[in-house]
Every structure is written in C-alpha cells, then in structure tokens.
Amino acid sequence: MAYQINKDTCIACGECADACPVGAIAPCDDKYAIDADTCLDCGICEGTCPQEAISQA
C-alpha cells in the first residue's frame, strides 16, 4: 500500500523527496505528491516529514 501526502498539512519543504530512495515524490501544484506505482512502501518519507503530512493510504 503506497503512502500519500496530506496536501492541507504539507508545507512543500521537499525533505520527503530528498529522502525517497526511488524518486517517487515530486512537486505537484505547489505541494508534493507520491507516485504510487513507483513507491516501495519503505516509509522513509513518513519519518522525515516535519509536518507529519505523510501516511499510508
């Protein structure tokens, strides 16, 4: 199950994108989004988000 970013909580800091080992996170509409097809479900992004805006879908 892929992770998702809560766009209401995301501050677009980019820490999750920098931490993603497969590049599944990219800017989208002034926030960030996770490509579910690329996501490995490793959870690294969830642990790096300072806003706790990332959770499993």
PDB file of N, CA and C in Angstrom:
ATOM      1  N   MET A   1       0.846  -1.175   0.000  1.00  0.00           N
ATOM      2  CA  MET A   1       0.000   0.000   0.000  1.00  0.00           C
ATOM      3  C   MET A   1       0.895   1.243   0.000  1.00  0.00           C
ATOM      4  N   ALA A   2       0.706   2.090  -0.960  1.00  0.00           N
ATOM      5  CA  ALA A   2       1.540   3.285  -1.104  1.00  0.00           C
ATOM      6  C   ALA A   2       1.225   4.323  -0.045  1.00  0.00           C
ATOM      7  N   TYR A   3       2.157   5.218   0.143  1.00  0.00           N
ATOM      8  CA  TYR A   3       1.972   6.337   1.060  1.00  0.00           C
ATOM      9  C   TYR A   3       1.316   7.489   0.326  1.00  0.00           C
ATOM     10  N   GLN A   4       0.726   8.407   1.085  1.00  0.00           N
ATOM     11  CA  GLN A   4       0.106   9.587   0.491  1.00  0.00           C
ATOM     12  C   GLN A   4       0.468  10.813   1.317  1.00  0.00           C
ATOM     13  N   ILE A   5       0.408  11.974   0.683  1.00  0.00           N
ATOM     14  CA  ILE A   5       0.727  13.234   1.343  1.00  0.00           C
ATOM     15  C   ILE A   5      -0.550  14.033   1.517  1.00  0.00           C
ATOM     16  N   ASN A   6      -0.785  14.487   2.730  1.00  0.00           N
ATOM     17  CA  ASN A   6      -1.929  15.345   3.025  1.00  0.00           C
ATOM     18  C   ASN A   6      -1.574  16.753   2.549  1.00  0.00           C
ATOM     19  N   LYS A   7      -2.205  17.194   1.490  1.00  0.00           N
ATOM     20  CA  LYS A   7      -1.874  18.496   0.901  1.00  0.00           C
ATOM     21  C   LYS A   7      -2.257  19.671   1.800  1.00  0.00           C
ATOM     22  N   ASP A   8      -3.155  19.462   2.737  1.00  0.00           N
ATOM     23  CA  ASP A   8      -3.520  20.528   3.675  1.00  0.00           C
ATOM     24  C   ASP A   8      -2.424  20.748   4.712  1.00  0.00           C
ATOM     25  N   THR A   9      -1.669  19.715   5.003  1.00  0.00           N
ATOM     26  CA  THR A   9      -0.628  19.775   6.022  1.00  0.00           C
ATOM     27  C   THR A   9       0.754  20.016   5.422  1.00  0.00           C
ATOM     28  N   CYS A  10       0.984  19.566   4.198  1.00  0.00           N
ATOM     29  CA  CYS A  10       2.283  19.688   3.518  1.00  0.00           C
ATOM     30  C   CYS A  10       2.687  21.158   3.369  1.00  0.00           C
ATOM     31  N   ILE A  11       3.935  21.451   3.714  1.00  0.00           N
ATOM     32  CA  ILE A  11       4.453  22.817   3.561  1.00  0.00           C
ATOM     33  C   ILE A  11       5.449  22.915   2.406  1.00  0.00           C
ATOM     34  N   ALA A  12       5.550  21.851   1.607  1.00  0.00           N
ATOM     35  CA  ALA A  12       6.411  21.810   0.420  1.00  0.00           C
ATOM     36  C   ALA A  12       7.882  22.063   0.734  1.00  0.00           C
ATOM     37  N   CYS A  13       8.349  21.496   1.833  1.00  0.00           N
ATOM     38  CA  CYS A  13       9.754  21.686   2.208  1.00  0.00           C
ATOM     39  C   CYS A  13      10.693  20.826   1.370  1.00  0.00           C
ATOM     40  N   GLY A  14      10.185  19.696   0.831  1.00  0.00           N
ATOM     41  CA  GLY A  14      10.983  18.838  -0.024  1.00  0.00           C
ATOM     42  C   GLY A  14      11.804  17.781   0.697  1.00  0.00           C
ATOM     43  N   GLU A  15      11.722  17.734   2.022  1.00  0.00           N
ATOM     44  CA  GLU A  15      12.513  16.744   2.755  1.00  0.00           C
ATOM     45  C   GLU A  15      12.130  15.320   2.371  1.00  0.00           C
ATOM     46  N   CYS A  16      10.866  15.072   2.132  1.00  0.00           N
ATOM     47  CA  CYS A  16      10.416  13.734   1.750  1.00  0.00           C
ATOM     48  C   CYS A  16      10.985  13.340   0.386  1.00  0.00           C
ATOM     49  N   ALA A  17      10.974  14.270  -0.557  1.00  0.00           N
ATOM     50  CA  ALA A  17      11.503  13.986  -1.890  1.00  0.00           C
ATOM     51  C   ALA A  17      12.997  13.704  -1.837  1.00  0.00           C
ATOM     52  N   ASP A  18      13.706  14.451  -1.011  1.00  0.00           N
ATOM     53  CA  ASP A  18      15.149  14.220  -0.865  1.00  0.00           C
ATOM     54  C   ASP A  18      15.440  12.862  -0.241  1.00  0.00           C
ATOM     55  N   ALA A  19      14.575  12.389   0.625  1.00  0.00           N
ATOM     56  CA  ALA A  19      14.795  11.128   1.332  1.00  0.00           C
ATOM     57  C   ALA A  19      14.364   9.902   0.535  1.00  0.00           C
ATOM     58  N   CYS A  20      13.485  10.066  -0.427  1.00  0.00           N
ATOM     59  CA  CYS A  20      12.942   8.920  -1.166  1.00  0.00           C
ATOM     60  C   CYS A  20      14.034   8.234  -1.995  1.00  0.00           C
ATOM     61  N   PRO A  21      14.274   6.943  -1.743  1.00  0.00           N
ATOM     62  CA  PRO A  21      15.355   6.246  -2.448  1.00  0.00           C
ATOM     63  C   PRO A  21      15.064   5.950  -3.922  1.00  0.00           C
ATOM     64  N   VAL A  22      13.803   6.038  -4.329  1.00  0.00           N
ATOM     65  CA  VAL A  22      13.468   5.730  -5.722  1.00  0.00           C
ATOM     66  C   VAL A  22      12.891   6.920  -6.485  1.00  0.00           C
ATOM     67  N   GLY A  23      12.885   8.100  -5.873  1.00  0.00           N
ATOM     68  CA  GLY A  23      12.391   9.294  -6.555  1.00  0.00           C
ATOM     69  C   GLY A  23      10.904   9.279  -6.827  1.00  0.00           C
ATOM     70  N   ALA A  24      10.124   8.675  -5.930  1.00  0.00           N
ATOM     71  CA  ALA A  24       8.678   8.570  -6.127  1.00  0.00           C
ATOM     72  C   ALA A  24       7.926   9.829  -5.721  1.00  0.00           C
ATOM     73  N   ILE A  25       8.634  10.810  -5.157  1.00  0.00           N
ATOM     74  CA  ILE A  25       7.977  12.025  -4.673  1.00  0.00           C
ATOM     75  C   ILE A  25       8.458  13.221  -5.489  1.00  0.00           C
ATOM     76  N   ALA A  26       7.494  14.000  -5.974  1.00  0.00           N
ATOM     77  CA  ALA A  26       7.831  15.146  -6.818  1.00  0.00           C
ATOM     78  C   ALA A  26       6.873  16.296  -6.541  1.00  0.00           C
ATOM     79  N   PRO A  27       7.300  17.541  -6.852  1.00  0.00           N
ATOM     80  CA  PRO A  27       6.402  18.689  -6.694  1.00  0.00           C
ATOM     81  C   PRO A  27       5.162  18.543  -7.570  1.00  0.00           C
ATOM     82  N   CYS A  28       4.031  18.979  -7.020  1.00  0.00           N
ATOM     83  CA  CYS A  28       2.764  18.906  -7.744  1.00  0.00           C
ATOM     84  C   CYS A  28       1.829  19.971  -7.181  1.00  0.00           C
ATOM     85  N   ASP A  29       1.449  20.948  -7.977  1.00  0.00           N
ATOM     86  CA  ASP A  29       0.522  22.002  -7.544  1.00  0.00           C
ATOM     87  C   ASP A  29       0.983  22.695  -6.261  1.00  0.00           C
ATOM     88  N   ASP A  30       2.223  23.138  -6.210  1.00  0.00           N
ATOM     89  CA  ASP A  30       2.793  23.867  -5.077  1.00  0.00           C
ATOM     90  C   ASP A  30       2.940  23.034  -3.810  1.00  0.00           C
ATOM     91  N   LYS A  31       2.734  21.734  -3.884  1.00  0.00           N
ATOM     92  CA  LYS A  31       2.946  20.807  -2.767  1.00  0.00           C
ATOM     93  C   LYS A  31       3.737  19.632  -3.336  1.00  0.00           C
ATOM     94  N   TYR A  32       3.723  18.504  -2.664  1.00  0.00           N
ATOM     95  CA  TYR A  32       4.387  17.310  -3.172  1.00  0.00           C
ATOM     96  C   TYR A  32       3.385  16.174  -3.295  1.00  0.00           C
ATOM     97  N   ALA A  33       3.678  15.221  -4.177  1.00  0.00           N
ATOM     98  CA  ALA A  33       2.820  14.062  -4.380  1.00  0.00           C
ATOM     99  C   ALA A  33       3.688  12.819  -4.530  1.00  0.00           C
ATOM    100  N   ILE A  34       3.128  11.683  -4.159  1.00  0.00           N
ATOM    101  CA  ILE A  34       3.831  10.406  -4.244  1.00  0.00           C
ATOM    102  C   ILE A  34       3.242   9.600  -5.386  1.00  0.00           C
ATOM    103  N   ASP A  35       4.093   9.120  -6.276  1.00  0.00           N
ATOM    104  CA  ASP A  35       3.672   8.251  -7.371  1.00  0.00           C
ATOM    105  C   ASP A  35       3.522   6.841  -6.808  1.00  0.00           C
ATOM    106  N   ALA A  36       2.285   6.386  -6.678  1.00  0.00           N
ATOM    107  CA  ALA A  36       2.003   5.081  -6.069  1.00  0.00           C
ATOM    108  C   ALA A  36       2.635   3.926  -6.841  1.00  0.00           C
ATOM    109  N   ASP A  37       2.811   4.077  -8.145  1.00  0.00           N
ATOM    110  CA  ASP A  37       3.405   2.998  -8.939  1.00  0.00           C
ATOM    111  C   ASP A  37       4.902   2.861  -8.702  1.00  0.00           C
ATOM    112  N   THR A  38       5.543   3.934  -8.278  1.00  0.00           N
ATOM    113  CA  THR A  38       6.984   3.926  -8.034  1.00  0.00           C
ATOM    114  C   THR A  38       7.315   3.670  -6.565  1.00  0.00           C
ATOM    115  N   CYS A  39       6.418   4.055  -5.680  1.00  0.00           N
ATOM    116  CA  CYS A  39       6.634   3.944  -4.238  1.00  0.00           C
ATOM    117  C   CYS A  39       6.914   2.500  -3.826  1.00  0.00           C
ATOM    118  N   LEU A  40       7.953   2.314  -2.996  1.00  0.00           N
ATOM    119  CA  LEU A  40       8.320   0.985  -2.499  1.00  0.00           C
ATOM    120  C   LEU A  40       7.682   0.659  -1.151  1.00  0.00           C
ATOM    121  N   ASP A  41       6.926   1.574  -0.597  1.00  0.00           N
ATOM    122  CA  ASP A  41       6.311   1.405   0.723  1.00  0.00           C
ATOM    123  C   ASP A  41       7.355   1.236   1.823  1.00  0.00           C
ATOM    124  N   CYS A  42       8.487   1.890   1.684  1.00  0.00           N
ATOM    125  CA  CYS A  42       9.562   1.747   2.674  1.00  0.00           C
ATOM    126  C   CYS A  42       9.315   2.588   3.921  1.00  0.00           C
ATOM    127  N   GLY A  43       8.539   3.687   3.799  1.00  0.00           N
ATOM    128  CA  GLY A  43       8.203   4.515   4.939  1.00  0.00           C
ATOM    129  C   GLY A  43       9.225   5.569   5.316  1.00  0.00           C
ATOM    130  N   ILE A  44      10.309   5.661   4.571  1.00  0.00           N
ATOM    131  CA  ILE A  44      11.340   6.655   4.886  1.00  0.00           C
ATOM    132  C   ILE A  44      10.757   8.065   4.845  1.00  0.00           C
ATOM    133  N   CYS A  45       9.929   8.345   3.859  1.00  0.00           N
ATOM    134  CA  CYS A  45       9.343   9.679   3.715  1.00  0.00           C
ATOM    135  C   CYS A  45       8.508  10.057   4.932  1.00  0.00           C
ATOM    136  N   GLU A  46       7.750   9.119   5.437  1.00  0.00           N
ATOM    137  CA  GLU A  46       6.890   9.391   6.591  1.00  0.00           C
ATOM    138  C   GLU A  46       7.717   9.845   7.791  1.00  0.00           C
ATOM    139  N   GLY A  47       8.858   9.223   7.968  1.00  0.00           N
ATOM    140  CA  GLY A  47       9.719   9.566   9.100  1.00  0.00           C
ATOM    141  C   GLY A  47      10.475  10.864   8.942  1.00  0.00           C
ATOM    142  N   THR A  48      10.602  11.360   7.715  1.00  0.00           N
ATOM    143  CA  THR A  48      11.350  12.599   7.504  1.00  0.00           C
ATOM    144  C   THR A  48      10.479  13.842   7.454  1.00  0.00           C
ATOM    145  N   CYS A  49       9.169  13.679   7.307  1.00  0.00           N
ATOM    146  CA  CYS A  49       8.278  14.827   7.170  1.00  0.00           C
ATOM    147  C   CYS A  49       8.124  15.568   8.495  1.00  0.00           C
ATOM    148  N   PRO A  50       8.562  16.841   8.552  1.00  0.00           N
ATOM    149  CA  PRO A  50       8.454  17.596   9.793  1.00  0.00           C
ATOM    150  C   PRO A  50       7.012  17.967  10.165  1.00  0.00           C
ATOM    151  N   GLN A  51       6.104  17.883   9.212  1.00  0.00           N
ATOM    152  CA  GLN A  51       4.702  18.231   9.451  1.00  0.00           C
ATOM    153  C   GLN A  51       3.828  17.001   9.707  1.00  0.00           C
ATOM    154  N   GLU A  52       4.417  15.818   9.638  1.00  0.00           N
ATOM    155  CA  GLU A  52       3.675  14.563   9.766  1.00  0.00           C
ATOM    156  C   GLU A  52       2.516  14.510   8.761  1.00  0.00           C
ATOM    157  N   ALA A  53       2.819  14.958   7.534  1.00  0.00           N
ATOM    158  CA  ALA A  53       1.798  15.036   6.475  1.00  0.00           C
ATOM    159  C   ALA A  53       1.729  13.775   5.625  1.00  0.00           C
ATOM    160  N   ILE A  54       2.550  12.773   5.930  1.00  0.00           N
ATOM    161  CA  ILE A  54       2.603  11.562   5.122  1.00  0.00           C
ATOM    162  C   ILE A  54       2.111  10.377   5.931  1.00  0.00           C
ATOM    163  N   SER A  55       1.233   9.580   5.291  1.00  0.00           N
ATOM    164  CA  SER A  55       0.706   8.379   5.929  1.00  0.00           C
ATOM    165  C   SER A  55       0.435   7.323   4.872  1.00  0.00           C
ATOM    166  N   GLN A  56       0.236   6.089   5.314  1.00  0.00           N
ATOM    167  CA  GLN A  56      -0.093   5.032   4.378  1.00  0.00           C
ATOM    168  C   GLN A  56      -1.528   5.202   3.906  1.00  0.00           C
ATOM    169  N   ALA A  57      -1.723   4.977   2.626  1.00  0.00           N
ATOM    170  CA  ALA A  57      -3.062   5.127   2.026  1.00  0.00           C
ATOM    171  C   ALA A  57      -3.966   3.987   2.447  1.00  0.00           C
TER     172      ALA A  57
END
